[in-house]
PDB file of N, CA and C in Angstrom:
ATOM      1  N   MET A   1       0.872  -1.497  -0.239  1.00  0.00           N
ATOM      2  CA  MET A   1      -0.013  -0.098   0.158  1.00  0.00           C
ATOM      3  C   MET A   1       1.177   1.289   0.218  1.00  0.00           C
ATOM      4  N   PHE A   2       2.295   1.372   0.866  1.00  0.00           N
ATOM      5  CA  PHE A   2       2.995   2.483   0.641  1.00  0.00           C
ATOM      6  C   PHE A   2       3.474   2.823  -1.031  1.00  0.00           C
ATOM      7  N   VAL A   3       3.987   1.696  -1.605  1.00  0.00           N
ATOM      8  CA  VAL A   3       4.293   1.755  -2.820  1.00  0.00           C
ATOM      9  C   VAL A   3       3.517   2.492  -3.427  1.00  0.00           C
ATOM     10  N   ARG A   4       2.436   1.776  -3.789  1.00  0.00           N
ATOM     11  CA  ARG A   4       1.295   2.012  -4.550  1.00  0.00           C
ATOM     12  C   ARG A   4       0.586   3.407  -4.094  1.00  0.00           C
ATOM     13  N   ALA A   5       1.037   3.971  -3.267  1.00  0.00           N
ATOM     14  CA  ALA A   5       0.924   5.210  -2.801  1.00  0.00           C
ATOM     15  C   ALA A   5       1.757   6.140  -3.085  1.00  0.00           C
ATOM     16  N   GLY A   6       2.843   5.737  -3.717  1.00  0.00           N
ATOM     17  CA  GLY A   6       3.884   6.793  -4.494  1.00  0.00           C
ATOM     18  C   GLY A   6       5.357   6.846  -3.505  1.00  0.00           C
ATOM     19  N   PHE A   7       5.432   6.045  -2.382  1.00  0.00           N
ATOM     20  CA  PHE A   7       6.026   6.158  -1.714  1.00  0.00           C
ATOM     21  C   PHE A   7       7.750   5.458  -1.868  1.00  0.00           C
ATOM     22  N   PRO A   8       8.625   5.980  -1.472  1.00  0.00           N
ATOM     23  CA  PRO A   8      10.078   5.369  -2.030  1.00  0.00           C
ATOM     24  C   PRO A   8       9.966   3.791  -1.961  1.00  0.00           C
ATOM     25  N   GLU A   9      10.755   3.128  -2.505  1.00  0.00           N
ATOM     26  CA  GLU A   9      10.993   0.920  -2.310  1.00  0.00           C
ATOM     27  C   GLU A   9      11.303   0.858  -0.883  1.00  0.00           C
ATOM     28  N   PRO A  10      10.895   0.431  -0.646  1.00  0.00           N
ATOM     29  CA  PRO A  10      11.403   0.368   1.178  1.00  0.00           C
ATOM     30  C   PRO A  10      12.236  -1.383   0.857  1.00  0.00           C
ATOM     31  N   GLU A  11      13.365  -1.671   1.897  1.00  0.00           N
ATOM     32  CA  GLU A  11      13.713  -2.328   1.715  1.00  0.00           C
ATOM     33  C   GLU A  11      13.136  -2.674   2.758  1.00  0.00           C
ATOM     34  N   VAL A  12      12.474  -4.809   2.262  1.00  0.00           N
ATOM     35  CA  VAL A  12      11.868  -5.561   2.705  1.00  0.00           C
ATOM     36  C   VAL A  12      12.671  -6.995   3.553  1.00  0.00           C
ATOM     37  N   CYS A  13      12.193  -6.907   4.985  1.00  0.00           N
ATOM     38  CA  CYS A  13      12.937  -7.422   6.133  1.00  0.00           C
ATOM     39  C   CYS A  13      14.303  -7.256   6.216  1.00  0.00           C
ATOM     40  N   GLY A  14      14.553  -5.533   6.124  1.00  0.00           N
ATOM     41  CA  GLY A  14      16.123  -4.971   6.051  1.00  0.00           C
ATOM     42  C   GLY A  14      16.547  -5.459   7.848  1.00  0.00           C
ATOM     43  N   VAL A  15      17.912  -5.697   7.776  1.00  0.00           N
ATOM     44  CA  VAL A  15      18.655  -5.590   9.113  1.00  0.00           C
ATOM     45  C   VAL A  15      19.119  -4.760   9.270  1.00  0.00           C
ATOM     46  N   ILE A  16      19.165  -3.882  10.935  1.00  0.00           N
ATOM     47  CA  ILE A  16      18.887  -3.103  11.177  1.00  0.00           C
ATOM     48  C   ILE A  16      19.988  -2.906  12.090  1.00  0.00           C
ATOM     49  N   THR A  17      21.248  -2.166  12.058  1.00  0.00           N
ATOM     50  CA  THR A  17      22.328  -2.326  12.933  1.00  0.00           C
ATOM     51  C   THR A  17      22.452  -0.887  13.631  1.00  0.00           C
ATOM     52  N   ASP A  18      23.028  -0.650  14.942  1.00  0.00           N
ATOM     53  CA  ASP A  18      23.423   0.770  15.433  1.00  0.00           C
ATOM     54  C   ASP A  18      24.647   1.190  14.517  1.00  0.00           C
ATOM     55  N   GLU A  19      25.258   2.005  15.270  1.00  0.00           N
ATOM     56  CA  GLU A  19      26.324   2.944  14.775  1.00  0.00           C
ATOM     57  C   GLU A  19      28.196   1.675  14.512  1.00  0.00           C
ATOM     58  N   ALA A  20      27.892   0.731  15.274  1.00  0.00           N
ATOM     59  CA  ALA A  20      29.216   0.001  15.718  1.00  0.00           C
ATOM     60  C   ALA A  20      29.016  -0.826  14.619  1.00  0.00           C
ATOM     61  N   GLY A  21      27.947  -0.919  13.967  1.00  0.00           N
ATOM     62  CA  GLY A  21      27.633  -2.302  12.943  1.00  0.00           C
ATOM     63  C   GLY A  21      27.100  -3.397  13.435  1.00  0.00           C
ATOM     64  N   GLU A  22      26.648  -3.532  15.131  1.00  0.00           N
ATOM     65  CA  GLU A  22      26.000  -4.705  15.524  1.00  0.00           C
ATOM     66  C   GLU A  22      24.423  -4.305  15.357  1.00  0.00           C
ATOM     67  N   PHE A  23      24.286  -5.824  15.265  1.00  0.00           N
ATOM     68  CA  PHE A  23      22.514  -6.107  15.133  1.00  0.00           C
ATOM     69  C   PHE A  23      21.768  -5.335  16.323  1.00  0.00           C
ATOM     70  N   LEU A  24      20.843  -4.792  15.415  1.00  0.00           N
ATOM     71  CA  LEU A  24      19.556  -4.140  16.647  1.00  0.00           C
ATOM     72  C   LEU A  24      18.032  -5.298  16.506  1.00  0.00           C
ATOM     73  N   ALA A  25      18.118  -5.276  15.172  1.00  0.00           N
ATOM     74  CA  ALA A  25      16.797  -5.583  14.998  1.00  0.00           C
ATOM     75  C   ALA A  25      16.503  -6.023  13.270  1.00  0.00           C
ATOM     76  N   GLN A  26      15.389  -6.939  12.407  1.00  0.00           N
ATOM     77  CA  GLN A  26      14.936  -6.599  11.373  1.00  0.00           C
ATOM     78  C   GLN A  26      13.658  -6.442  11.526  1.00  0.00           C
ATOM     79  N   GLY A  27      14.006  -5.550  10.147  1.00  0.00           N
ATOM     80  CA  GLY A  27      12.423  -4.708  10.283  1.00  0.00           C
ATOM     81  C   GLY A  27      11.197  -5.300   8.757  1.00  0.00           C
ATOM     82  N   ASP A  28      10.202  -5.290   9.036  1.00  0.00           N
ATOM     83  CA  ASP A  28       9.376  -5.423   7.971  1.00  0.00           C
ATOM     84  C   ASP A  28       9.834  -4.484   6.676  1.00  0.00           C
ATOM     85  N   LEU A  29       9.588  -3.332   6.872  1.00  0.00           N
ATOM     86  CA  LEU A  29       9.804  -2.090   5.590  1.00  0.00           C
ATOM     87  C   LEU A  29      10.770  -1.384   6.165  1.00  0.00           C
ATOM     88  N   VAL A  30      12.028  -1.275   5.525  1.00  0.00           N
ATOM     89  CA  VAL A  30      12.672  -0.254   6.036  1.00  0.00           C
ATOM     90  C   VAL A  30      13.125   0.825   5.223  1.00  0.00           C
ATOM     91  N   TRP A  31      13.094   2.201   5.661  1.00  0.00           N
ATOM     92  CA  TRP A  31      13.531   2.782   4.789  1.00  0.00           C
ATOM     93  C   TRP A  31      14.447   3.340   5.788  1.00  0.00           C
ATOM     94  N   ARG A  32      15.693   2.981   5.352  1.00  0.00           N
ATOM     95  CA  ARG A  32      16.849   3.275   5.570  1.00  0.00           C
ATOM     96  C   ARG A  32      17.568   4.835   5.865  1.00  0.00           C
ATOM     97  N   ARG A  33      17.790   5.479   4.927  1.00  0.00           N
ATOM     98  CA  ARG A  33      17.943   6.902   4.434  1.00  0.00           C
ATOM     99  C   ARG A  33      17.368   7.223   6.047  1.00  0.00           C
ATOM    100  N   GLU A  34      15.630   7.541   5.800  1.00  0.00           N
ATOM    101  CA  GLU A  34      14.922   8.288   6.392  1.00  0.00           C
ATOM    102  C   GLU A  34      14.626   7.436   8.339  1.00  0.00           C
ATOM    103  N   ARG A  35      15.914   6.848   8.670  1.00  0.00           N
ATOM    104  CA  ARG A  35      15.619   5.518   9.549  1.00  0.00           C
ATOM    105  C   ARG A  35      14.111   5.671  10.083  1.00  0.00           C
ATOM    106  N   VAL A  36      13.566   4.816   9.000  1.00  0.00           N
ATOM    107  CA  VAL A  36      11.764   4.450   9.618  1.00  0.00           C
ATOM    108  C   VAL A  36      11.524   3.285   9.284  1.00  0.00           C
ATOM    109  N   VAL A  37      10.526   2.471   9.951  1.00  0.00           N
ATOM    110  CA  VAL A  37      10.364   1.288   9.647  1.00  0.00           C
ATOM    111  C   VAL A  37       9.056   1.011  10.157  1.00  0.00           C
ATOM    112  N   ALA A  38       8.219   0.121   9.338  1.00  0.00           N
ATOM    113  CA  ALA A  38       6.858   0.010   9.365  1.00  0.00           C
ATOM    114  C   ALA A  38       6.528  -1.575   9.602  1.00  0.00           C
ATOM    115  N   GLU A  39       6.416  -1.872  11.021  1.00  0.00           N
ATOM    116  CA  GLU A  39       6.639  -3.282  11.272  1.00  0.00           C
ATOM    117  C   GLU A  39       4.800  -3.831  11.046  1.00  0.00           C
ATOM    118  N   TYR A  40       4.715  -5.217  10.323  1.00  0.00           N
ATOM    119  CA  TYR A  40       2.867  -5.534  10.581  1.00  0.00           C
ATOM    120  C   TYR A  40       2.885  -6.322  11.577  1.00  0.00           C
ATOM    121  N   GLN A  41       1.919  -6.167  12.403  1.00  0.00           N
ATOM    122  CA  GLN A  41       1.762  -6.913  13.506  1.00  0.00           C
ATOM    123  C   GLN A  41       0.508  -8.006  13.398  1.00  0.00           C
ATOM    124  N   GLY A  42       0.752  -9.346  12.561  1.00  0.00           N
ATOM    125  CA  GLY A  42      -0.110  -9.897  12.303  1.00  0.00           C
ATOM    126  C   GLY A  42      -0.664 -10.494  14.013  1.00  0.00           C
ATOM    127  N   ALA A  43      -1.358 -11.875  13.513  1.00  0.00           N
ATOM    128  CA  ALA A  43      -1.846 -12.806  14.870  1.00  0.00           C
ATOM    129  C   ALA A  43      -0.695 -13.038  15.913  1.00  0.00           C
ATOM    130  N   PRO A  44       0.080 -13.787  14.784  1.00  0.00           N
ATOM    131  CA  PRO A  44       1.126 -14.550  16.486  1.00  0.00           C
ATOM    132  C   PRO A  44       1.583 -13.089  17.120  1.00  0.00           C
ATOM    133  N   HIS A  45       1.448 -11.937  16.894  1.00  0.00           N
ATOM    134  CA  HIS A  45       1.983 -11.018  17.635  1.00  0.00           C
ATOM    135  C   HIS A  45       0.772 -10.412  18.736  1.00  0.00           C
ATOM    136  N   ALA A  46      -0.003 -11.134  18.564  1.00  0.00           N
ATOM    137  CA  ALA A  46      -1.131 -10.387  19.886  1.00  0.00           C
ATOM    138  C   ALA A  46      -0.661 -11.310  21.122  1.00  0.00           C
ATOM    139  N   ASP A  47      -0.087 -12.406  21.159  1.00  0.00           N
ATOM    140  CA  ASP A  47       0.671 -12.825  22.210  1.00  0.00           C
ATOM    141  C   ASP A  47       1.474 -12.468  23.002  1.00  0.00           C
ATOM    142  N   ILE A  48       1.111 -12.464  24.395  1.00  0.00           N
ATOM    143  CA  ILE A  48       1.503 -11.221  25.333  1.00  0.00           C
ATOM    144  C   ILE A  48       3.466 -11.446  25.327  1.00  0.00           C
ATOM    145  N   GLY A  49       3.737 -12.851  25.680  1.00  0.00           N
ATOM    146  CA  GLY A  49       4.931 -12.954  25.253  1.00  0.00           C
ATOM    147  C   GLY A  49       5.791 -12.266  23.954  1.00  0.00           C
ATOM    148  N   ARG A  50       5.238 -12.762  22.826  1.00  0.00           N
ATOM    149  CA  ARG A  50       5.612 -11.875  21.692  1.00  0.00           C
ATOM    150  C   ARG A  50       5.553 -10.214  21.248  1.00  0.00           C
ATOM    151  N   ARG A  51       4.203 -10.075  21.942  1.00  0.00           N
ATOM    152  CA  ARG A  51       4.179  -8.620  22.211  1.00  0.00           C
ATOM    153  C   ARG A  51       5.428  -7.573  22.834  1.00  0.00           C
ATOM    154  N   SER A  52       5.474  -7.982  24.101  1.00  0.00           N
ATOM    155  CA  SER A  52       5.933  -7.470  24.998  1.00  0.00           C
ATOM    156  C   SER A  52       7.665  -7.453  24.293  1.00  0.00           C
ATOM    157  N   ALA A  53       8.316  -8.870  23.266  1.00  0.00           N
ATOM    158  CA  ALA A  53       9.459  -8.275  22.929  1.00  0.00           C
ATOM    159  C   ALA A  53       9.474  -7.478  21.448  1.00  0.00           C
ATOM    160  N   ASP A  54       7.968  -7.197  21.011  1.00  0.00           N
ATOM    161  CA  ASP A  54       7.840  -6.680  20.139  1.00  0.00           C
ATOM    162  C   ASP A  54       8.125  -5.206  20.690  1.00  0.00           C
ATOM    163  N   THR A  55       7.913  -4.764  21.814  1.00  0.00           N
ATOM    164  CA  THR A  55       7.623  -3.326  22.435  1.00  0.00           C
ATOM    165  C   THR A  55       9.055  -3.006  22.805  1.00  0.00           C
ATOM    166  N   GLN A  56       9.585  -3.920  23.263  1.00  0.00           N
ATOM    167  CA  GLN A  56      10.940  -4.250  23.568  1.00  0.00           C
ATOM    168  C   GLN A  56      12.148  -3.335  22.221  1.00  0.00           C
ATOM    169  N   ARG A  57      11.474  -4.056  21.307  1.00  0.00           N
ATOM    170  CA  ARG A  57      12.575  -3.826  20.163  1.00  0.00           C
ATOM    171  C   ARG A  57      12.126  -2.583  19.571  1.00  0.00           C
ATOM    172  N   ARG A  58      10.785  -1.760  19.635  1.00  0.00           N
ATOM    173  CA  ARG A  58      10.544  -0.759  19.307  1.00  0.00           C
ATOM    174  C   ARG A  58      11.075   0.283  20.006  1.00  0.00           C
ATOM    175  N   HIS A  59      11.306  -0.341  21.459  1.00  0.00           N
ATOM    176  CA  HIS A  59      11.833   1.068  22.326  1.00  0.00           C
ATOM    177  C   HIS A  59      13.209   1.113  22.002  1.00  0.00           C
ATOM    178  N   LEU A  60      14.133   0.050  21.900  1.00  0.00           N
ATOM    179  CA  LEU A  60      15.530  -0.106  21.295  1.00  0.00           C
ATOM    180  C   LEU A  60      16.122   0.410  19.842  1.00  0.00           C
ATOM    181  N   LEU A  61      14.948   0.380  18.653  1.00  0.00           N
ATOM    182  CA  LEU A  61      14.843   1.276  17.433  1.00  0.00           C
ATOM    183  C   LEU A  61      14.887   2.261  18.211  1.00  0.00           C
ATOM    184  N   GLU A  62      14.084   2.692  18.516  1.00  0.00           N
ATOM    185  CA  GLU A  62      13.562   4.450  18.924  1.00  0.00           C
ATOM    186  C   GLU A  62      14.667   5.252  19.951  1.00  0.00           C
ATOM    187  N   GLY A  63      15.583   3.919  20.830  1.00  0.00           N
ATOM    188  CA  GLY A  63      16.559   4.867  21.378  1.00  0.00           C
ATOM    189  C   GLY A  63      17.776   4.921  20.408  1.00  0.00           C
ATOM    190  N   HIS A  64      17.647   4.438  19.119  1.00  0.00           N
ATOM    191  CA  HIS A  64      19.052   4.611  18.386  1.00  0.00           C
ATOM    192  C   HIS A  64      18.106   5.182  17.214  1.00  0.00           C
ATOM    193  N   GLY A  65      17.729   6.342  17.321  1.00  0.00           N
ATOM    194  CA  GLY A  65      17.556   7.181  16.289  1.00  0.00           C
ATOM    195  C   GLY A  65      15.876   6.964  15.324  1.00  0.00           C
ATOM    196  N   TRP A  66      15.216   5.533  15.430  1.00  0.00           N
ATOM    197  CA  TRP A  66      14.709   5.399  14.481  1.00  0.00           C
ATOM    198  C   TRP A  66      13.435   5.587  14.654  1.00  0.00           C
ATOM    199  N   GLN A  67      12.223   6.255  13.720  1.00  0.00           N
ATOM    200  CA  GLN A  67      10.976   6.050  14.215  1.00  0.00           C
ATOM    201  C   GLN A  67      10.153   4.353  13.609  1.00  0.00           C
ATOM    202  N   VAL A  68       9.079   3.932  14.550  1.00  0.00           N
ATOM    203  CA  VAL A  68       8.863   2.693  14.267  1.00  0.00           C
ATOM    204  C   VAL A  68       7.193   3.257  14.115  1.00  0.00           C
ATOM    205  N   ARG A  69       6.915   2.576  13.083  1.00  0.00           N
ATOM    206  CA  ARG A  69       4.846   2.847  13.158  1.00  0.00           C
ATOM    207  C   ARG A  69       4.754   1.265  12.705  1.00  0.00           C
ATOM    208  N   GLU A  70       3.918   0.500  13.841  1.00  0.00           N
ATOM    209  CA  GLU A  70       3.345  -0.715  13.616  1.00  0.00           C
ATOM    210  C   GLU A  70       1.895  -0.585  13.168  1.00  0.00           C
ATOM    211  N   VAL A  71       1.720  -1.428  11.968  1.00  0.00           N
ATOM    212  CA  VAL A  71       0.597  -1.963  11.339  1.00  0.00           C
ATOM    213  C   VAL A  71       0.011  -2.758  11.434  1.00  0.00           C
ATOM    214  N   PHE A  72      -1.497  -3.000  11.943  1.00  0.00           N
ATOM    215  CA  PHE A  72      -2.464  -3.596  11.910  1.00  0.00           C
ATOM    216  C   PHE A  72      -3.471  -4.408  10.783  1.00  0.00           C
ATOM    217  N   ALA A  73      -3.752  -5.312  10.490  1.00  0.00           N
ATOM    218  CA  ALA A  73      -4.469  -5.723   9.262  1.00  0.00           C
ATOM    219  C   ALA A  73      -5.307  -4.704   9.381  1.00  0.00           C
ATOM    220  N   GLN A  74      -6.094  -3.979  10.055  1.00  0.00           N
ATOM    221  CA  GLN A  74      -7.409  -2.900   9.818  1.00  0.00           C
ATOM    222  C   GLN A  74      -6.776  -1.649   9.112  1.00  0.00           C
ATOM    223  N   ASP A  75      -5.319  -1.598   9.268  1.00  0.00           N
ATOM    224  CA  ASP A  75      -4.319  -0.776   9.093  1.00  0.00           C
ATOM    225  C   ASP A  75      -4.427  -0.834   7.868  1.00  0.00           C
ATOM    226  N   VAL A  76      -4.659  -1.982   7.364  1.00  0.00           N
ATOM    227  CA  VAL A  76      -4.200  -2.628   5.467  1.00  0.00           C
ATOM    228  C   VAL A  76      -5.983  -2.173   4.938  1.00  0.00           C
ATOM    229  N   TYR A  77      -7.001  -3.330   5.470  1.00  0.00           N
ATOM    230  CA  TYR A  77      -8.315  -3.164   4.944  1.00  0.00           C
ATOM    231  C   TYR A  77      -9.352  -2.276   5.368  1.00  0.00           C
ATOM    232  N   VAL A  78      -8.918  -1.655   6.076  1.00  0.00           N
ATOM    233  CA  VAL A  78     -10.090  -0.775   6.413  1.00  0.00           C
ATOM    234  C   VAL A  78      -9.479   0.660   6.263  1.00  0.00           C
ATOM    235  N   ARG A  79     -10.353   1.507   4.665  1.00  0.00           N
ATOM    236  CA  ARG A  79      -9.861   2.248   4.560  1.00  0.00           C
ATOM    237  C   ARG A  79      -9.864   3.382   5.119  1.00  0.00           C
ATOM    238  N   PRO A  80     -10.652   3.909   6.168  1.00  0.00           N
ATOM    239  CA  PRO A  80     -10.059   5.451   7.268  1.00  0.00           C
ATOM    240  C   PRO A  80      -8.876   4.785   7.495  1.00  0.00           C
ATOM    241  N   ARG A  81      -8.537   3.674   7.934  1.00  0.00           N
ATOM    242  CA  ARG A  81      -7.423   3.418   9.059  1.00  0.00           C
ATOM    243  C   ARG A  81      -6.065   3.148   8.120  1.00  0.00           C
ATOM    244  N   ARG A  82      -6.302   2.478   6.733  1.00  0.00           N
ATOM    245  CA  ARG A  82      -4.855   2.602   5.765  1.00  0.00           C
ATOM    246  C   ARG A  82      -4.756   4.133   5.366  1.00  0.00           C
ATOM    247  N   MET A  83      -5.740   5.126   5.108  1.00  0.00           N
ATOM    248  CA  MET A  83      -5.421   6.425   5.161  1.00  0.00           C
ATOM    249  C   MET A  83      -5.062   6.790   6.071  1.00  0.00           C
ATOM    250  N   ALA A  84      -5.228   6.727   7.567  1.00  0.00           N
ATOM    251  CA  ALA A  84      -4.370   7.597   8.360  1.00  0.00           C
ATOM    252  C   ALA A  84      -2.865   6.682   8.552  1.00  0.00           C
ATOM    253  N   THR A  85      -2.877   5.588   8.509  1.00  0.00           N
ATOM    254  CA  THR A  85      -1.352   4.874   8.109  1.00  0.00           C
ATOM    255  C   THR A  85      -0.532   5.352   7.152  1.00  0.00           C
ATOM    256  N   VAL A  86      -1.158   5.297   6.131  1.00  0.00           N
ATOM    257  CA  VAL A  86       0.172   6.099   4.753  1.00  0.00           C
ATOM    258  C   VAL A  86      -0.059   7.247   5.034  1.00  0.00           C
ATOM    259  N   GLU A  87      -0.685   7.734   5.524  1.00  0.00           N
ATOM    260  CA  GLU A  87      -0.311   9.444   6.217  1.00  0.00           C
ATOM    261  C   GLU A  87       0.391   9.414   6.955  1.00  0.00           C
ATOM    262  N   ALA A  88       0.698   8.676   8.126  1.00  0.00           N
ATOM    263  CA  ALA A  88       1.526   9.000   9.148  1.00  0.00           C
ATOM    264  C   ALA A  88       2.655   8.286   8.936  1.00  0.00           C
ATOM    265  N   VAL A  89       3.098   7.530   8.015  1.00  0.00           N
ATOM    266  CA  VAL A  89       3.987   6.903   7.449  1.00  0.00           C
ATOM    267  C   VAL A  89       4.906   8.198   7.029  1.00  0.00           C
ATOM    268  N   ALA A  90       4.008   8.723   5.963  1.00  0.00           N
ATOM    269  CA  ALA A  90       4.261   9.641   4.785  1.00  0.00           C
ATOM    270  C   ALA A  90       5.366  10.784   5.865  1.00  0.00           C
ATOM    271  N   ARG A  91       4.644  11.311   6.857  1.00  0.00           N
ATOM    272  CA  ARG A  91       5.049  12.429   7.803  1.00  0.00           C
ATOM    273  C   ARG A  91       6.256  12.100   8.299  1.00  0.00           C
ATOM    274  N   MET A  92       6.746  10.765   8.584  1.00  0.00           N
ATOM    275  CA  MET A  92       7.436  10.185   9.161  1.00  0.00           C
ATOM    276  C   MET A  92       8.997  10.184   7.975  1.00  0.00           C
ATOM    277  N   LEU A  93       8.352   9.896   7.048  1.00  0.00           N
ATOM    278  CA  LEU A  93       9.315  10.054   5.888  1.00  0.00           C
ATOM    279  C   LEU A  93       9.739  11.692   5.016  1.00  0.00           C
ATOM    280  N   ASP A  94       8.687  12.330   5.612  1.00  0.00           N
ATOM    281  CA  ASP A  94       8.880  14.122   5.377  1.00  0.00           C
ATOM    282  C   ASP A  94       8.713  14.272   3.755  1.00  0.00           C
ATOM    283  N   LEU A  95       7.233  13.183   3.342  1.00  0.00           N
ATOM    284  CA  LEU A  95       6.548  12.945   1.812  1.00  0.00           C
ATOM    285  C   LEU A  95       5.140  14.424   2.700  1.00  0.00           C
ATOM    286  N   ASP A  96       4.923  14.853   1.790  1.00  0.00           N
ATOM    287  CA  ASP A  96       3.656  15.534   1.657  1.00  0.00           C
ATOM    288  C   ASP A  96       2.778  14.612   1.143  1.00  0.00           C
ATOM    289  N   PRO A  97       1.446  14.195   2.148  1.00  0.00           N
ATOM    290  CA  PRO A  97       0.423  13.803   2.175  1.00  0.00           C
ATOM    291  C   PRO A  97      -0.584  13.930   0.705  1.00  0.00           C
ATOM    292  N   ALA A  98       0.115  14.871   0.357  1.00  0.00           N
ATOM    293  CA  ALA A  98      -1.054  15.770  -0.334  1.00  0.00           C
ATOM    294  C   ALA A  98      -0.620  15.697  -1.878  1.00  0.00           C
ATOM    295  N   THR A  99       0.506  14.983  -2.216  1.00  0.00           N
ATOM    296  CA  THR A  99       1.332  14.274  -3.682  1.00  0.00           C
ATOM    297  C   THR A  99       1.290  12.937  -3.599  1.00  0.00           C
ATOM    298  N   LEU A 100       0.487  12.352  -2.296  1.00  0.00           N
ATOM    299  CA  LEU A 100       0.408  11.010  -3.048  1.00  0.00           C
ATOM    300  C   LEU A 100      -1.002  10.311  -3.252  1.00  0.00           C
ATOM    301  N   ARG A 101      -0.843   8.949  -3.615  1.00  0.00           N
ATOM    302  CA  ARG A 101      -2.456   8.405  -3.965  1.00  0.00           C
ATOM    303  C   ARG A 101      -2.663   7.789  -3.393  1.00  0.00           C
ATOM    304  N   ILE A 102      -3.183   8.097  -1.756  1.00  0.00           N
ATOM    305  CA  ILE A 102      -3.963   7.516  -0.851  1.00  0.00           C
ATOM    306  C   ILE A 102      -5.430   6.623  -1.190  1.00  0.00           C
ATOM    307  N   THR A 103      -5.537   5.848  -1.397  1.00  0.00           N
ATOM    308  CA  THR A 103      -6.747   5.118  -1.374  1.00  0.00           C
ATOM    309  C   THR A 103      -7.674   4.091  -0.151  1.00  0.00           C
TER     310      THR A 103
END
């Protein structure tokens, strides 16, 4: 939905490292130059242990200067939520939502 809206192509399953090259995380959709990650949170992420690990990983990335947007099924399939998600990530990437094809 992001590329269709006119975003630059993200790196899929991109490995994110710290300044020393040490592994931090693997992101679902990574815009490396802008330090933005979109993470799809499907049903397996609802488990309390997995949710806790996801939150810790998000905090770790944010602590290293990354912006993280969690994306849920409703954010993809429900139009108002899809539009809000695309607009939010556009702002993270310093894109003007008015120039995008948000459907």
